[in-house]
Amino acid sequence: MNVEQRNPHALEDQLVFRSMTMADIPHICEIEQEAFTTPWTQGAFENELNNNQFAHYMIMDIGGEVAGYGGMWLIMEEAHVTNIAVKHSYRGRKLGERLLRELMRTSAFLGAIRMTLEVRTSNYVAQNLYEKLGFRAVGVRRGYYTDNREDAVVMWADLPKRRDLGSDGGFRTGD
């Protein structure tokens, strides 16, 4: 019997969100390879961490293992999600939702009032998750994805104001 079978909250008990470090990049690149047809390179992540003053990247750590990550650029009062992915072996456990909620919470804490992202028109699973968390489709970027020229749906969400974040950092409403 594994840890999850003995304790269904085992993942929850071991889940930690933290800032990405240079040492995380090889793990992130593995997840990129699993998740995306045009994955970012090690150099791209190094550049984000070292040279992009707007970049904020977060690791979802479960028991010392990098289980997922998310990134955003915070410019003025807007957060733009650059990438978000969960390791294949951890998918189907609502961890992508937890990760996006944490990105939203963090960006609100840092002063953002809205968040945006692009998603493939064919990625209905992600679109449904984003809608569940308050994102609304507002437009389309034609030929956005370079691998197959697929369109991207542009989505925006209003974020809770800092005062609406609970004392534990969670949202007071909309959860």
C-alpha atoms as a PDB file:
ATOM      1  CA  MET A   1       0.000   0.000   0.000  1.00  0.00           C
ATOM      2  CA  ASN A   2       1.472   3.355  -1.027  1.00  0.00           C
ATOM      3  CA  VAL A   3       1.333   6.599   0.955  1.00  0.00           C
ATOM      4  CA  GLU A   4      -1.689   7.861  -0.975  1.00  0.00           C
ATOM      5  CA  GLN A   5      -3.669   4.668  -0.319  1.00  0.00           C
ATOM      6  CA  ARG A   6      -2.962   4.853   3.433  1.00  0.00           C
ATOM      7  CA  ASN A   7      -3.606   8.585   3.590  1.00  0.00           C
ATOM      8  CA  PRO A   8      -5.651  10.182   0.796  1.00  0.00           C
ATOM      9  CA  HIS A   9      -4.382  13.596   1.927  1.00  0.00           C
ATOM     10  CA  ALA A  10      -0.713  12.567   1.673  1.00  0.00           C
ATOM     11  CA  LEU A  11      -0.081  14.717  -1.401  1.00  0.00           C
ATOM     12  CA  GLU A  12      -1.815  17.644   0.256  1.00  0.00           C
ATOM     13  CA  ASP A  13       0.317  17.236   3.377  1.00  0.00           C
ATOM     14  CA  GLN A  14       3.534  17.302   1.338  1.00  0.00           C
ATOM     15  CA  LEU A  15       2.567  20.059  -1.122  1.00  0.00           C
ATOM     16  CA  VAL A  16       4.764  23.162  -0.996  1.00  0.00           C
ATOM     17  CA  PHE A  17       4.879  26.135  -3.341  1.00  0.00           C
ATOM     18  CA  ARG A  18       8.201  27.951  -3.621  1.00  0.00           C
ATOM     19  CA  SER A  19      10.164  30.186  -5.955  1.00  0.00           C
ATOM     20  CA  MET A  20      12.003  28.505  -8.822  1.00  0.00           C
ATOM     21  CA  THR A  21      15.786  28.348  -8.557  1.00  0.00           C
ATOM     22  CA  MET A  22      18.445  27.607 -11.142  1.00  0.00           C
ATOM     23  CA  ALA A  23      18.761  24.081  -9.692  1.00  0.00           C
ATOM     24  CA  ASP A  24      15.110  23.425 -10.663  1.00  0.00           C
ATOM     25  CA  ILE A  25      15.622  24.097 -14.363  1.00  0.00           C
ATOM     26  CA  PRO A  26      16.602  20.518 -15.401  1.00  0.00           C
ATOM     27  CA  HIS A  27      13.419  19.200 -13.721  1.00  0.00           C
ATOM     28  CA  ILE A  28      11.345  21.910 -15.362  1.00  0.00           C
ATOM     29  CA  CYS A  29      12.792  21.069 -18.773  1.00  0.00           C
ATOM     30  CA  GLU A  30      11.721  17.427 -18.294  1.00  0.00           C
ATOM     31  CA  ILE A  31       8.170  18.568 -17.561  1.00  0.00           C
ATOM     32  CA  GLU A  32       8.311  20.918 -20.569  1.00  0.00           C
ATOM     33  CA  GLN A  33       9.241  17.956 -22.800  1.00  0.00           C
ATOM     34  CA  GLU A  34       6.249  15.965 -21.485  1.00  0.00           C
ATOM     35  CA  ALA A  35       3.755  18.791 -21.665  1.00  0.00           C
ATOM     36  CA  PHE A  36       4.448  20.872 -24.758  1.00  0.00           C
ATOM     37  CA  THR A  37       5.103  20.310 -28.444  1.00  0.00           C
ATOM     38  CA  THR A  38       7.431  23.335 -28.483  1.00  0.00           C
ATOM     39  CA  PRO A  39       9.076  23.224 -25.044  1.00  0.00           C
ATOM     40  CA  TRP A  40      11.134  26.064 -23.666  1.00  0.00           C
ATOM     41  CA  THR A  41      14.868  25.440 -23.429  1.00  0.00           C
ATOM     42  CA  GLN A  42      17.121  25.492 -20.414  1.00  0.00           C
ATOM     43  CA  GLY A  43      18.540  28.761 -21.717  1.00  0.00           C
ATOM     44  CA  ALA A  44      15.086  30.321 -21.904  1.00  0.00           C
ATOM     45  CA  PHE A  45      14.439  29.553 -18.239  1.00  0.00           C
ATOM     46  CA  GLU A  46      17.906  30.743 -17.238  1.00  0.00           C
ATOM     47  CA  ASN A  47      17.210  34.010 -19.035  1.00  0.00           C
ATOM     48  CA  GLU A  48      13.852  34.377 -17.298  1.00  0.00           C
ATOM     49  CA  LEU A  49      15.391  33.876 -13.846  1.00  0.00           C
ATOM     50  CA  ASN A  50      18.523  35.966 -14.432  1.00  0.00           C
ATOM     51  CA  ASN A  51      17.448  38.772 -16.741  1.00  0.00           C
ATOM     52  CA  ASN A  52      13.685  39.323 -16.709  1.00  0.00           C
ATOM     53  CA  GLN A  53      12.712  41.681 -13.908  1.00  0.00           C
ATOM     54  CA  PHE A  54       9.014  41.015 -14.607  1.00  0.00           C
ATOM     55  CA  ALA A  55       9.274  37.215 -14.320  1.00  0.00           C
ATOM     56  CA  HIS A  56       7.986  35.208 -11.357  1.00  0.00           C
ATOM     57  CA  TYR A  57       8.313  31.415 -11.519  1.00  0.00           C
ATOM     58  CA  MET A  58       6.967  29.032  -8.947  1.00  0.00           C
ATOM     59  CA  ILE A  59       7.614  25.377  -8.198  1.00  0.00           C
ATOM     60  CA  MET A  60       4.996  22.956  -6.934  1.00  0.00           C
ATOM     61  CA  ASP A  61       7.026  20.597  -4.759  1.00  0.00           C
ATOM     62  CA  ILE A  62       5.582  17.354  -3.404  1.00  0.00           C
ATOM     63  CA  GLY A  63       7.758  15.549  -0.916  1.00  0.00           C
ATOM     64  CA  GLY A  64      10.935  17.028  -2.383  1.00  0.00           C
ATOM     65  CA  GLU A  65       9.991  16.283  -5.996  1.00  0.00           C
ATOM     66  CA  VAL A  66       9.228  18.965  -8.570  1.00  0.00           C
ATOM     67  CA  ALA A  67       5.667  18.044  -9.539  1.00  0.00           C
ATOM     68  CA  GLY A  68       4.857  21.125 -11.563  1.00  0.00           C
ATOM     69  CA  TYR A  69       5.622  24.761 -12.138  1.00  0.00           C
ATOM     70  CA  GLY A  70       4.061  27.958 -13.310  1.00  0.00           C
ATOM     71  CA  GLY A  71       5.403  31.231 -14.550  1.00  0.00           C
ATOM     72  CA  MET A  72       4.097  34.715 -15.088  1.00  0.00           C
ATOM     73  CA  TRP A  73       5.229  38.174 -15.946  1.00  0.00           C
ATOM     74  CA  LEU A  74       3.946  40.839 -13.600  1.00  0.00           C
ATOM     75  CA  ILE A  75       3.764  44.184 -15.397  1.00  0.00           C
ATOM     76  CA  MET A  76       2.080  47.028 -13.574  1.00  0.00           C
ATOM     77  CA  GLU A  77      -1.276  45.664 -12.403  1.00  0.00           C
ATOM     78  CA  GLU A  78      -1.420  42.754 -14.841  1.00  0.00           C
ATOM     79  CA  ALA A  79      -0.102  39.221 -14.551  1.00  0.00           C
ATOM     80  CA  HIS A  80       0.504  37.317 -17.790  1.00  0.00           C
ATOM     81  CA  VAL A  81       0.815  33.541 -17.384  1.00  0.00           C
ATOM     82  CA  THR A  82       3.726  32.382 -19.521  1.00  0.00           C
ATOM     83  CA  ASN A  83       3.542  28.662 -18.774  1.00  0.00           C
ATOM     84  CA  ILE A  84       2.003  26.219 -16.372  1.00  0.00           C
ATOM     85  CA  ALA A  85       2.509  22.454 -16.350  1.00  0.00           C
ATOM     86  CA  VAL A  86       2.213  19.435 -14.091  1.00  0.00           C
ATOM     87  CA  LYS A  87       4.453  16.385 -14.341  1.00  0.00           C
ATOM     88  CA  HIS A  88       2.674  13.551 -16.136  1.00  0.00           C
ATOM     89  CA  SER A  89       2.717  11.226 -13.109  1.00  0.00           C
ATOM     90  CA  TYR A  90       0.861  13.845 -11.040  1.00  0.00           C
ATOM     91  CA  ARG A  91      -1.861  14.742 -13.539  1.00  0.00           C
ATOM     92  CA  GLY A  92      -5.525  14.059 -12.857  1.00  0.00           C
ATOM     93  CA  ARG A  93      -5.295  15.090  -9.182  1.00  0.00           C
ATOM     94  CA  LYS A  94      -6.423  18.726  -9.517  1.00  0.00           C
ATOM     95  CA  LEU A  95      -2.853  19.899  -8.973  1.00  0.00           C
ATOM     96  CA  GLY A  96      -2.967  22.139 -12.047  1.00  0.00           C
ATOM     97  CA  GLU A  97      -5.894  23.918 -10.434  1.00  0.00           C
ATOM     98  CA  ARG A  98      -3.966  24.278  -7.183  1.00  0.00           C
ATOM     99  CA  LEU A  99      -0.985  25.651  -9.072  1.00  0.00           C
ATOM    100  CA  LEU A 100      -3.035  28.201 -11.001  1.00  0.00           C
ATOM    101  CA  ARG A 101      -4.816  29.285  -7.812  1.00  0.00           C
ATOM    102  CA  GLU A 102      -1.403  29.829  -6.225  1.00  0.00           C
ATOM    103  CA  LEU A 103      -0.249  31.914  -9.216  1.00  0.00           C
ATOM    104  CA  MET A 104      -3.434  33.972  -8.933  1.00  0.00           C
ATOM    105  CA  ARG A 105      -3.006  34.405  -5.174  1.00  0.00           C
ATOM    106  CA  THR A 106       0.641  35.388  -5.538  1.00  0.00           C
ATOM    107  CA  SER A 107      -0.004  37.884  -8.318  1.00  0.00           C
ATOM    108  CA  ALA A 108      -2.837  39.484  -6.307  1.00  0.00           C
ATOM    109  CA  PHE A 109      -0.542  39.675  -3.284  1.00  0.00           C
ATOM    110  CA  LEU A 110       2.062  41.402  -5.462  1.00  0.00           C
ATOM    111  CA  GLY A 111      -0.514  43.975  -6.579  1.00  0.00           C
ATOM    112  CA  ALA A 112      -1.967  42.628  -9.818  1.00  0.00           C
ATOM    113  CA  ILE A 113      -5.661  43.211 -10.351  1.00  0.00           C
ATOM    114  CA  ARG A 114      -6.135  40.991 -13.419  1.00  0.00           C
ATOM    115  CA  MET A 115      -4.480  38.031 -15.086  1.00  0.00           C
ATOM    116  CA  THR A 116      -4.295  36.907 -18.693  1.00  0.00           C
ATOM    117  CA  LEU A 117      -3.176  33.846 -20.593  1.00  0.00           C
ATOM    118  CA  GLU A 118      -3.388  32.182 -23.989  1.00  0.00           C
ATOM    119  CA  VAL A 119      -4.583  28.626 -24.516  1.00  0.00           C
ATOM    120  CA  ARG A 120      -4.838  26.463 -27.612  1.00  0.00           C
ATOM    121  CA  THR A 121      -8.299  26.474 -29.152  1.00  0.00           C
ATOM    122  CA  SER A 122      -8.214  22.649 -29.031  1.00  0.00           C
ATOM    123  CA  ASN A 123      -7.327  22.461 -25.319  1.00  0.00           C
ATOM    124  CA  TYR A 124     -10.830  22.218 -23.873  1.00  0.00           C
ATOM    125  CA  VAL A 125      -9.648  20.697 -20.584  1.00  0.00           C
ATOM    126  CA  ALA A 126      -7.486  23.735 -19.825  1.00  0.00           C
ATOM    127  CA  GLN A 127     -10.157  26.166 -21.033  1.00  0.00           C
ATOM    128  CA  ASN A 128     -12.683  24.555 -18.671  1.00  0.00           C
ATOM    129  CA  LEU A 129     -10.265  24.862 -15.756  1.00  0.00           C
ATOM    130  CA  TYR A 130      -9.580  28.504 -16.548  1.00  0.00           C
ATOM    131  CA  GLU A 131     -13.302  29.257 -16.790  1.00  0.00           C
ATOM    132  CA  LYS A 132     -13.856  27.519 -13.444  1.00  0.00           C
ATOM    133  CA  LEU A 133     -11.328  29.936 -11.916  1.00  0.00           C
ATOM    134  CA  GLY A 134     -12.999  33.019 -13.386  1.00  0.00           C
ATOM    135  CA  PHE A 135     -11.217  33.453 -16.720  1.00  0.00           C
ATOM    136  CA  ARG A 136     -13.306  34.569 -19.682  1.00  0.00           C
ATOM    137  CA  ALA A 137     -12.438  34.319 -23.377  1.00  0.00           C
ATOM    138  CA  VAL A 138     -12.040  37.796 -24.869  1.00  0.00           C
ATOM    139  CA  GLY A 139     -10.381  37.158 -28.202  1.00  0.00           C
ATOM    140  CA  VAL A 140      -8.312  34.957 -30.458  1.00  0.00           C
ATOM    141  CA  ARG A 141      -4.696  35.235 -31.582  1.00  0.00           C
ATOM    142  CA  ARG A 142      -4.622  33.754 -35.087  1.00  0.00           C
ATOM    143  CA  GLY A 143      -1.772  31.317 -35.800  1.00  0.00           C
ATOM    144  CA  TYR A 144      -0.273  31.909 -32.344  1.00  0.00           C
ATOM    145  CA  TYR A 145       1.372  28.500 -31.873  1.00  0.00           C
ATOM    146  CA  THR A 146       4.465  28.053 -34.026  1.00  0.00           C
ATOM    147  CA  ASP A 147       4.375  24.238 -34.199  1.00  0.00           C
ATOM    148  CA  ASN A 148       1.098  24.004 -36.144  1.00  0.00           C
ATOM    149  CA  ARG A 149      -0.143  27.604 -36.457  1.00  0.00           C
ATOM    150  CA  GLU A 150      -3.105  26.814 -34.166  1.00  0.00           C
ATOM    151  CA  ASP A 151      -5.048  29.771 -32.844  1.00  0.00           C
ATOM    152  CA  ALA A 152      -4.936  30.761 -29.180  1.00  0.00           C
ATOM    153  CA  VAL A 153      -7.904  31.829 -27.103  1.00  0.00           C
ATOM    154  CA  VAL A 154      -7.024  34.914 -25.060  1.00  0.00           C
ATOM    155  CA  MET A 155      -8.535  34.761 -21.584  1.00  0.00           C
ATOM    156  CA  TRP A 156      -8.664  37.293 -18.744  1.00  0.00           C
ATOM    157  CA  ALA A 157      -9.682  37.088 -15.086  1.00  0.00           C
ATOM    158  CA  ASP A 158     -10.110  39.683 -12.393  1.00  0.00           C
ATOM    159  CA  LEU A 159      -8.093  38.888  -9.289  1.00  0.00           C
ATOM    160  CA  PRO A 160      -9.204  39.397  -5.708  1.00  0.00           C
ATOM    161  CA  LYS A 161      -7.950  42.542  -4.074  1.00  0.00           C
ATOM    162  CA  ARG A 162      -5.256  42.093  -1.441  1.00  0.00           C
ATOM    163  CA  ARG A 163      -7.798  42.753   1.280  1.00  0.00           C
ATOM    164  CA  ASP A 164      -9.893  39.836  -0.043  1.00  0.00           C
ATOM    165  CA  LEU A 165      -7.094  37.316   0.499  1.00  0.00           C
ATOM    166  CA  GLY A 166      -7.642  35.271   3.650  1.00  0.00           C
ATOM    167  CA  SER A 167      -5.118  35.322   6.484  1.00  0.00           C
ATOM    168  CA  ASP A 168      -3.783  31.995   5.183  1.00  0.00           C
ATOM    169  CA  GLY A 169      -3.234  33.583   1.769  1.00  0.00           C
ATOM    170  CA  GLY A 170      -6.234  31.821   0.215  1.00  0.00           C
ATOM    171  CA  PHE A 171      -9.153  33.488  -1.470  1.00  0.00           C
ATOM    172  CA  ARG A 172     -12.048  34.390   0.789  1.00  0.00           C
ATOM    173  CA  THR A 173     -14.574  34.191  -2.012  1.00  0.00           C
ATOM    174  CA  GLY A 174     -14.760  32.292  -5.271  1.00  0.00           C
ATOM    175  CA  ASP A 175     -12.983  29.151  -4.056  1.00  0.00           C
END
